[in-house]
C-alpha cells in the first residue's frame, strides 16, 4: 500500500500551477481567492469523495485510473469552465461564442446571468442528489443502519415501486411553493423533473450495460462507460452550488476554474486514498454519514433558492455528519472487539 501522500502528488502539482497562474492574473488577492475556493470546494464535496469511494471499490484499477485522468479533465474544464458558459448561453439566449466573449469582456454581466439561472441549477442538482440519497437508504436488502430510527423505515419503503422518485418529486413540489413568480416556479419544477429523469436514465443505463446488483443483491454501480457517466453527473451535482456561489467572491472565470478545479483534484485524491485503504470497510457508518450529507445538501439546494444558506454552513453540516458517522464506526468496532475478547476468554 502506497503512503497516503502519494495520492496527493498530482493534486499539489496542480495547486502550485493554479497559485502561480492566479498570481500572474491578479496578484496576491487572486491567490487568496483561489486558496479559499479550493478549501470551500473540498469541504463541500468531501462527502462526494466518500460516496465515490463506495462506488469505485467495485471497480478495477484500469477504470479507477480513467476516473482520475479523464474524469479530472471533465471535472476541472468541463464542469468548472465549459458548463457555466453553456448555462449563460442558454439563460441569456446567446450563442456559446457570445457567452465566452461575455465571460472574458464583461464578467459582471456573465455572473449576473448565471446567478439568474440559479433556481434551475439548484432544482436539477438538488433533485438528482435527493435521488442519490434516497436510492441508498431505500435499498430493500439494506441490513446495516446508522440512524436506525430513520433508516430502517426508509428501507421498508424500498418495497414500494419507484418510491425514491415519488418522494423526490413530492419534495420538489413543496419547495416550488417557496419560490416567488409563476415563471420561476415553473422553470424550477421543470429543471427538477429533468434531474429525476437524468438519474433514472443513468442508473438504468448502468443496469443495462453492467447490472445494478451484486451477488448479495446489494445495489452497486458497475464499472464501464455508464458508471463513469454516473460518477461525472454525481460530481456535477455536488459542484453546482459551488460554481454559482464562487461568483460572490470573484467574477474572473479563470480564477474560479483554478480554485474549484484544485478542490476537485483534492476530492479525487481523497477518493482513491479511501478506496485503496479500505476505509469504508473499516469504518462501517462512514458511507452512511456521507449519504446523509448528500441528503442535507439536496434539501438545502431545493429549499434554499429563496433563502440562501452560506456554502460554509453547508460544508460544516456535511463535515459534522461524516465526523459523527466516523465516531459511531469507531465505537461500534470497539464494542465488537470487547465482545470478541470476552468470547475468547470464556
Protein backbone atom coordinates (compact mmCIF):
# COMPACT_ATOMS: atom_id res chain seq x y z
CA UNK A 1 0.00 0.00 0.00
CA UNK A 2 1.45 3.37 -1.00
CA UNK A 3 1.88 6.16 1.61
CA UNK A 4 -1.13 8.46 1.84
CA UNK A 5 0.76 11.47 0.45
CA UNK A 6 1.47 9.65 -2.82
CA UNK A 7 -2.21 10.10 -3.73
CA UNK A 8 -1.85 13.88 -3.48
CA UNK A 9 1.31 14.47 -5.54
CA UNK A 10 -0.58 15.35 -8.73
CA UNK A 11 -3.02 17.44 -6.71
CA UNK A 12 -0.29 19.57 -5.16
CA UNK A 13 1.36 19.99 -8.56
CA UNK A 14 -1.92 21.33 -9.99
CA UNK A 15 -2.40 23.57 -6.94
CA UNK A 16 1.09 25.01 -7.38
CA UNK A 17 0.37 25.78 -11.02
CA UNK A 18 -3.04 27.24 -10.08
CA UNK A 19 -1.48 29.56 -7.50
CA UNK A 20 1.22 30.67 -9.96
CA UNK A 21 -1.34 31.45 -12.67
CA UNK A 22 -3.57 33.25 -10.16
CA UNK A 23 -0.66 35.45 -9.06
CA UNK A 24 0.14 36.25 -12.69
CA UNK A 25 -3.52 37.11 -13.43
CA UNK A 26 -4.44 39.08 -10.33
CA UNK A 27 -1.65 39.19 -7.78
CA UNK A 28 -1.90 38.09 -4.16
CA UNK A 29 -5.61 38.86 -3.95
CA UNK A 30 -6.27 36.32 -6.70
CA UNK A 31 -4.01 33.80 -4.93
CA UNK A 32 -6.05 34.20 -1.72
CA UNK A 33 -9.29 33.71 -3.68
CA UNK A 34 -8.01 30.53 -5.35
CA UNK A 35 -6.92 29.10 -1.99
CA UNK A 36 -10.29 29.94 -0.40
CA UNK A 37 -12.22 28.40 -3.31
CA UNK A 38 -10.05 25.27 -3.09
CA UNK A 39 -10.81 24.84 0.61
CA UNK A 40 -14.51 25.59 0.05
CA UNK A 41 -14.87 23.10 -2.80
CA UNK A 42 -13.02 20.39 -0.86
CA UNK A 43 -15.15 20.85 2.25
CA UNK A 44 -18.39 20.95 0.26
CA UNK A 45 -17.50 17.84 -1.72
CA UNK A 46 -15.73 15.62 0.82
CA UNK A 47 -18.94 13.61 1.14
CA UNK A 48 -18.72 13.23 -2.64
CA UNK A 49 -15.31 11.59 -2.13
CA UNK A 50 -16.79 9.08 0.32
CA UNK A 51 -19.71 8.27 -1.99
CA UNK A 52 -17.34 7.89 -4.96
CA UNK A 53 -15.10 5.59 -2.91
CA UNK A 54 -18.05 3.30 -2.20
CA UNK A 55 -18.65 3.03 -5.94
CA UNK A 56 -15.01 2.71 -7.04
CA UNK A 57 -14.40 -0.10 -4.53
CA UNK A 58 -16.18 -2.38 -7.02
CA UNK A 59 -14.09 -1.17 -9.99
CA UNK A 60 -10.74 -2.45 -11.19
CA UNK A 61 -7.54 -0.41 -11.31
CA UNK A 62 -7.97 0.48 -15.00
CA UNK A 63 -11.34 2.18 -14.53
CA UNK A 64 -10.20 3.87 -11.33
CA UNK A 65 -7.34 5.46 -13.25
CA UNK A 66 -9.69 6.51 -16.04
CA UNK A 67 -11.87 8.15 -13.42
CA UNK A 68 -8.84 10.06 -12.12
CA UNK A 69 -7.46 11.12 -15.52
CA UNK A 70 -10.37 11.53 -17.93
CA UNK A 71 -12.69 12.37 -15.08
CA UNK A 72 -10.44 15.19 -13.91
CA UNK A 73 -10.45 16.75 -17.37
CA UNK A 74 -14.24 16.73 -17.33
CA UNK A 75 -14.45 17.90 -13.72
CA UNK A 76 -11.98 20.77 -14.00
CA UNK A 77 -12.55 22.07 -17.51
CA UNK A 78 -16.00 20.67 -18.26
CA UNK A 79 -17.89 21.44 -15.05
CA UNK A 80 -15.92 24.45 -13.84
CA UNK A 81 -15.33 26.18 -17.19
CA UNK A 82 -17.49 24.90 -20.06
CA UNK A 83 -20.69 24.17 -18.12
CA UNK A 84 -21.16 27.70 -16.70
CA UNK A 85 -20.60 29.10 -20.20
CA UNK A 86 -23.32 26.82 -21.59
CA UNK A 87 -25.71 27.86 -18.83
CA UNK A 88 -25.14 31.53 -19.62
CA UNK A 89 -25.59 30.82 -23.35
CA UNK A 90 -28.97 29.14 -22.72
CA UNK A 91 -30.20 31.50 -19.99
CA UNK A 92 -29.05 34.61 -21.82
CA UNK A 93 -30.35 33.48 -25.20
CA UNK A 94 -26.95 33.92 -26.83
CA UNK A 95 -24.59 31.56 -28.62
CA UNK A 96 -21.64 29.81 -26.93
CA UNK A 97 -19.15 32.16 -28.61
CA UNK A 98 -21.06 35.19 -27.34
CA UNK A 99 -21.18 33.62 -23.86
CA UNK A 100 -17.40 33.17 -23.89
CA UNK A 101 -16.98 36.78 -25.02
CA UNK A 102 -19.25 37.84 -22.18
CA UNK A 103 -17.20 35.84 -19.65
CA UNK A 104 -13.96 37.46 -20.83
CA UNK A 105 -15.03 41.04 -21.53
CA UNK A 106 -18.00 41.56 -19.21
CA UNK A 107 -17.63 39.18 -16.24
CA UNK A 108 -20.10 41.19 -14.14
CA UNK A 109 -22.92 40.56 -16.63
CA UNK A 110 -21.76 36.96 -17.06
CA UNK A 111 -22.08 36.43 -13.30
CA UNK A 112 -25.48 38.13 -13.23
CA UNK A 113 -26.89 35.86 -15.96
CA UNK A 114 -25.50 32.76 -14.25
CA UNK A 115 -26.96 33.83 -10.89
CA UNK A 116 -30.32 34.47 -12.56
CA UNK A 117 -30.41 30.79 -13.57
CA UNK A 118 -29.55 29.62 -10.04
CA UNK A 119 -33.07 28.34 -9.29
CA UNK A 120 -32.93 25.99 -12.27
CA UNK A 121 -29.41 24.83 -11.46
CA UNK A 122 -30.38 24.21 -7.83
CA UNK A 123 -33.53 22.32 -8.84
CA UNK A 124 -31.71 19.99 -11.23
CA UNK A 125 -28.77 19.33 -8.89
CA UNK A 126 -30.94 19.09 -5.77
CA UNK A 127 -33.36 16.60 -7.35
CA UNK A 128 -30.50 14.48 -8.69
CA UNK A 129 -28.77 14.39 -5.29
CA UNK A 130 -32.02 13.62 -3.49
CA UNK A 131 -32.43 10.61 -5.76
CA UNK A 132 -28.85 9.57 -4.91
CA UNK A 133 -29.58 9.89 -1.19
CA UNK A 134 -32.87 8.00 -1.27
CA UNK A 135 -31.55 5.32 -3.62
CA UNK A 136 -29.02 4.36 -0.95
CA UNK A 137 -31.39 4.32 2.02
CA UNK A 138 -34.46 2.69 0.45
CA UNK A 139 -32.48 -0.33 -0.81
CA UNK A 140 -34.75 -3.23 0.12
CA UNK A 141 -31.82 -5.50 1.01
CA UNK A 142 -30.02 -2.95 3.19
CA UNK A 143 -29.45 -4.51 6.62
CA UNK A 144 -26.93 -2.23 8.33
CA UNK A 145 -28.18 1.09 9.68
CA UNK A 146 -26.54 4.04 11.41
CA UNK A 147 -29.53 6.20 12.39
CA UNK A 148 -31.76 3.19 12.93
CA UNK A 149 -34.96 5.07 13.80
CA UNK A 150 -34.92 6.81 10.41
CA UNK A 151 -33.03 4.42 8.14
CA UNK A 152 -34.99 1.26 8.95
CA UNK A 153 -38.37 2.78 7.94
CA UNK A 154 -36.75 4.12 4.76
CA UNK A 155 -35.53 0.63 3.92
CA UNK A 156 -39.07 -0.70 4.37
CA UNK A 157 -40.29 1.96 1.96
CA UNK A 158 -37.95 0.39 -0.58
CA UNK A 159 -40.53 -2.35 -1.11
CA UNK A 160 -42.66 0.23 -2.91
CA UNK A 161 -42.01 0.65 -6.63
CA UNK A 162 -40.10 3.83 -7.54
CA UNK A 163 -40.61 5.31 -4.08
CA UNK A 164 -37.44 7.44 -4.31
CA UNK A 165 -38.79 9.19 -7.41
CA UNK A 166 -42.16 9.78 -5.73
CA UNK A 167 -40.57 11.27 -2.61
CA UNK A 168 -38.19 13.45 -4.61
CA UNK A 169 -40.97 14.82 -6.83
CA UNK A 170 -43.13 15.50 -3.77
CA UNK A 171 -40.28 17.44 -2.13
CA UNK A 172 -39.71 19.30 -5.39
CA UNK A 173 -43.35 20.43 -5.49
CA UNK A 174 -43.27 21.53 -1.85
CA UNK A 175 -40.07 23.51 -2.47
CA UNK A 176 -41.64 25.12 -5.55
CA UNK A 177 -44.23 26.85 -3.37
CA UNK A 178 -41.41 28.77 -1.67
CA UNK A 179 -40.45 30.43 -4.96
CA UNK A 180 -41.91 33.77 -6.00
CA UNK A 181 -43.23 34.17 -9.51
CA UNK A 182 -45.09 31.69 -11.67
CA UNK A 183 -42.40 31.68 -14.37
CA UNK A 184 -39.53 30.96 -11.97
CA UNK A 185 -41.65 28.35 -10.19
CA UNK A 186 -42.40 26.60 -13.47
CA UNK A 187 -38.74 26.67 -14.50
CA UNK A 188 -37.78 25.28 -11.10
CA UNK A 189 -40.18 22.33 -11.38
CA UNK A 190 -39.18 21.51 -14.97
CA UNK A 191 -35.47 21.56 -14.08
CA UNK A 192 -36.11 19.35 -11.04
CA UNK A 193 -38.05 16.84 -13.11
CA UNK A 194 -35.12 16.69 -15.51
CA UNK A 195 -32.86 15.96 -12.54
CA UNK A 196 -35.03 12.95 -11.64
CA UNK A 197 -35.19 11.80 -15.26
CA UNK A 198 -31.41 12.10 -15.63
CA UNK A 199 -30.82 9.99 -12.52
CA UNK A 200 -33.25 7.29 -13.65
CA UNK A 201 -31.71 7.26 -17.12
CA UNK A 202 -28.11 6.98 -15.92
CA UNK A 203 -28.92 4.31 -13.34
CA UNK A 204 -30.94 2.43 -15.92
CA UNK A 205 -28.07 2.66 -18.37
CA UNK A 206 -25.62 1.24 -15.82
CA UNK A 207 -28.04 -1.61 -15.10
CA UNK A 208 -28.45 -2.27 -18.83
CA UNK A 209 -24.72 -2.30 -19.52
CA UNK A 210 -23.44 -3.95 -16.37
CA UNK A 211 -26.09 -4.75 -13.83
CA UNK A 212 -27.16 -2.87 -10.72
CA UNK A 213 -26.80 -5.55 -8.06
CA UNK A 214 -24.03 -7.86 -6.91
CA UNK A 215 -24.28 -11.48 -5.76
CA UNK A 216 -25.55 -10.29 -2.37
CA UNK A 217 -28.33 -8.24 -4.00
CA UNK A 218 -26.57 -5.05 -2.93
CA UNK A 219 -27.07 -2.11 -5.26
CA UNK A 220 -23.80 -1.15 -6.89
CA UNK A 221 -22.70 0.92 -9.87
CA UNK A 222 -20.71 -1.29 -12.24
CA UNK A 223 -17.56 -0.07 -13.95
CA UNK A 224 -17.78 0.97 -17.57
CA UNK A 225 -18.91 3.92 -19.64
CA UNK A 226 -22.32 4.17 -17.97
CA UNK A 227 -20.84 4.02 -14.47
CA UNK A 228 -18.29 6.65 -15.46
CA UNK A 229 -21.13 8.87 -16.72
CA UNK A 230 -23.00 8.39 -13.44
CA UNK A 231 -19.95 9.46 -11.39
CA UNK A 232 -19.44 12.55 -13.54
CA UNK A 233 -23.09 13.57 -13.15
CA UNK A 234 -22.76 13.00 -9.41
CA UNK A 235 -19.69 15.22 -9.30
CA UNK A 236 -21.52 17.84 -11.36
CA UNK A 237 -24.47 17.89 -8.95
CA UNK A 238 -22.14 18.43 -5.99
CA UNK A 239 -20.38 21.31 -7.73
CA UNK A 240 -23.42 23.26 -9.00
CA UNK A 241 -23.78 25.46 -5.93
CA UNK A 242 -20.04 25.97 -5.66
CA UNK A 243 -19.83 27.20 -9.25
CA UNK A 244 -22.62 29.73 -8.76
CA UNK A 245 -21.51 30.71 -5.25
CA UNK A 246 -17.95 31.38 -6.42
CA UNK A 247 -19.19 34.48 -8.25
CA UNK A 248 -19.84 36.06 -4.85
CA UNK A 249 -16.04 36.19 -4.44
CA UNK A 250 -14.88 36.96 -7.97
CA UNK A 251 -16.23 37.29 -11.49
CA UNK A 252 -12.97 36.16 -13.07
CA UNK A 253 -13.73 32.83 -14.77
CA UNK A 254 -10.06 31.81 -14.79
CA UNK A 255 -9.72 32.28 -11.01
CA UNK A 256 -12.97 30.38 -10.39
CA UNK A 257 -11.87 27.49 -12.59
CA UNK A 258 -8.47 27.29 -10.91
CA UNK A 259 -9.87 27.36 -7.36
CA UNK A 260 -12.74 24.94 -7.89
CA UNK A 261 -10.56 22.75 -10.11
CA UNK A 262 -7.94 22.42 -7.38
CA UNK A 263 -10.73 21.44 -4.98
CA UNK A 264 -11.88 18.79 -7.46
CA UNK A 265 -8.33 17.39 -7.52
CA UNK A 266 -8.36 17.06 -3.74
CA UNK A 267 -11.71 15.26 -3.84
CA UNK A 268 -10.36 12.77 -6.40
CA UNK A 269 -7.23 12.16 -4.32
CA UNK A 270 -9.26 11.58 -1.15
CA UNK A 271 -11.48 9.18 -3.11
CA UNK A 272 -8.60 6.99 -4.29
CA UNK A 273 -6.99 7.02 -0.84
CA UNK A 274 -10.23 5.83 0.78
CA UNK A 275 -10.56 3.05 -1.81
CA UNK A 276 -7.00 1.77 -1.52
CA UNK A 277 -7.00 1.77 2.27
CA UNK A 278 -10.42 0.09 2.53
CA UNK A 279 -11.59 2.87 4.83
CA UNK A 280 -15.28 2.24 4.19
CA UNK A 281 -14.90 -1.39 5.25
CA UNK A 282 -13.09 -0.39 8.42
CA UNK A 283 -15.46 2.41 9.37
CA UNK A 284 -18.84 0.94 8.52
CA UNK A 285 -21.00 4.04 9.07
CA UNK A 286 -18.79 6.48 7.18
CA UNK A 287 -20.69 5.90 3.95
CA UNK A 288 -23.98 6.38 5.78
CA UNK A 289 -22.78 9.75 7.08
CA UNK A 290 -21.75 10.78 3.57
CA UNK A 291 -25.17 9.94 2.15
CA UNK A 292 -26.86 11.85 4.97
CA UNK A 293 -24.66 14.81 3.99
CA UNK A 294 -25.85 14.32 0.40
CA UNK A 295 -29.45 14.45 1.61
CA UNK A 296 -28.81 17.65 3.58
CA UNK A 297 -27.16 19.26 0.56
CA UNK A 298 -30.10 18.23 -1.65
CA UNK A 299 -32.63 19.77 0.75
CA UNK A 300 -30.59 22.98 1.01
CA UNK A 301 -30.38 23.24 -2.78
CA UNK A 302 -34.11 22.67 -3.27
CA UNK A 303 -35.43 24.73 -0.36
CA UNK A 304 -32.71 27.37 -0.32
CA UNK A 305 -33.42 29.13 -3.62
CA UNK A 306 -35.25 31.97 -1.89
CA UNK A 307 -33.46 31.60 1.45
CA UNK A 308 -29.76 31.34 0.67
CA UNK A 309 -27.71 29.17 3.01
CA UNK A 310 -23.99 30.12 3.01
CA UNK A 311 -21.75 27.50 1.44
CA UNK A 312 -19.60 27.46 4.59
CA UNK A 313 -22.57 26.29 6.67
CA UNK A 314 -23.41 23.62 4.11
CA UNK A 315 -19.83 22.35 4.22
CA UNK A 316 -19.77 22.36 8.03
CA UNK A 317 -23.02 20.39 8.23
CA UNK A 318 -21.71 17.78 5.80
CA UNK A 319 -18.41 17.55 7.64
CA UNK A 320 -20.16 17.21 11.00
CA UNK A 321 -22.29 14.30 9.76
CA UNK A 322 -19.22 12.49 8.43
CA UNK A 323 -17.32 13.06 11.69
CA UNK A 324 -20.28 11.74 13.73
CA UNK A 325 -20.52 8.69 11.47
CA UNK A 326 -16.80 8.10 11.86
CA UNK A 327 -17.12 8.31 15.65
CA UNK A 328 -20.03 5.85 15.61
CA UNK A 329 -17.97 3.46 13.49
CA UNK A 330 -15.04 3.58 15.90
CA UNK A 331 -17.37 2.97 18.86
CA UNK A 332 -19.02 0.03 17.10
CA UNK A 333 -15.64 -1.50 16.27
CA UNK A 334 -14.52 -1.21 19.90
CA UNK A 335 -17.72 -2.81 21.16
CA UNK A 336 -17.27 -5.72 18.78
CA UNK A 337 -13.63 -6.11 19.86
CA UNK A 338 -14.64 -6.22 23.52
CA UNK A 339 -17.37 -8.79 22.83
CA UNK A 340 -14.93 -10.89 20.82
CA UNK A 341 -12.31 -10.70 23.56
CA UNK A 342 -14.84 -11.82 26.18
CA UNK A 343 -15.91 -14.71 23.98
CA UNK A 344 -12.32 -15.90 23.62
CA UNK A 345 -11.68 -15.81 27.38
CA UNK A 346 -14.78 -17.85 28.22
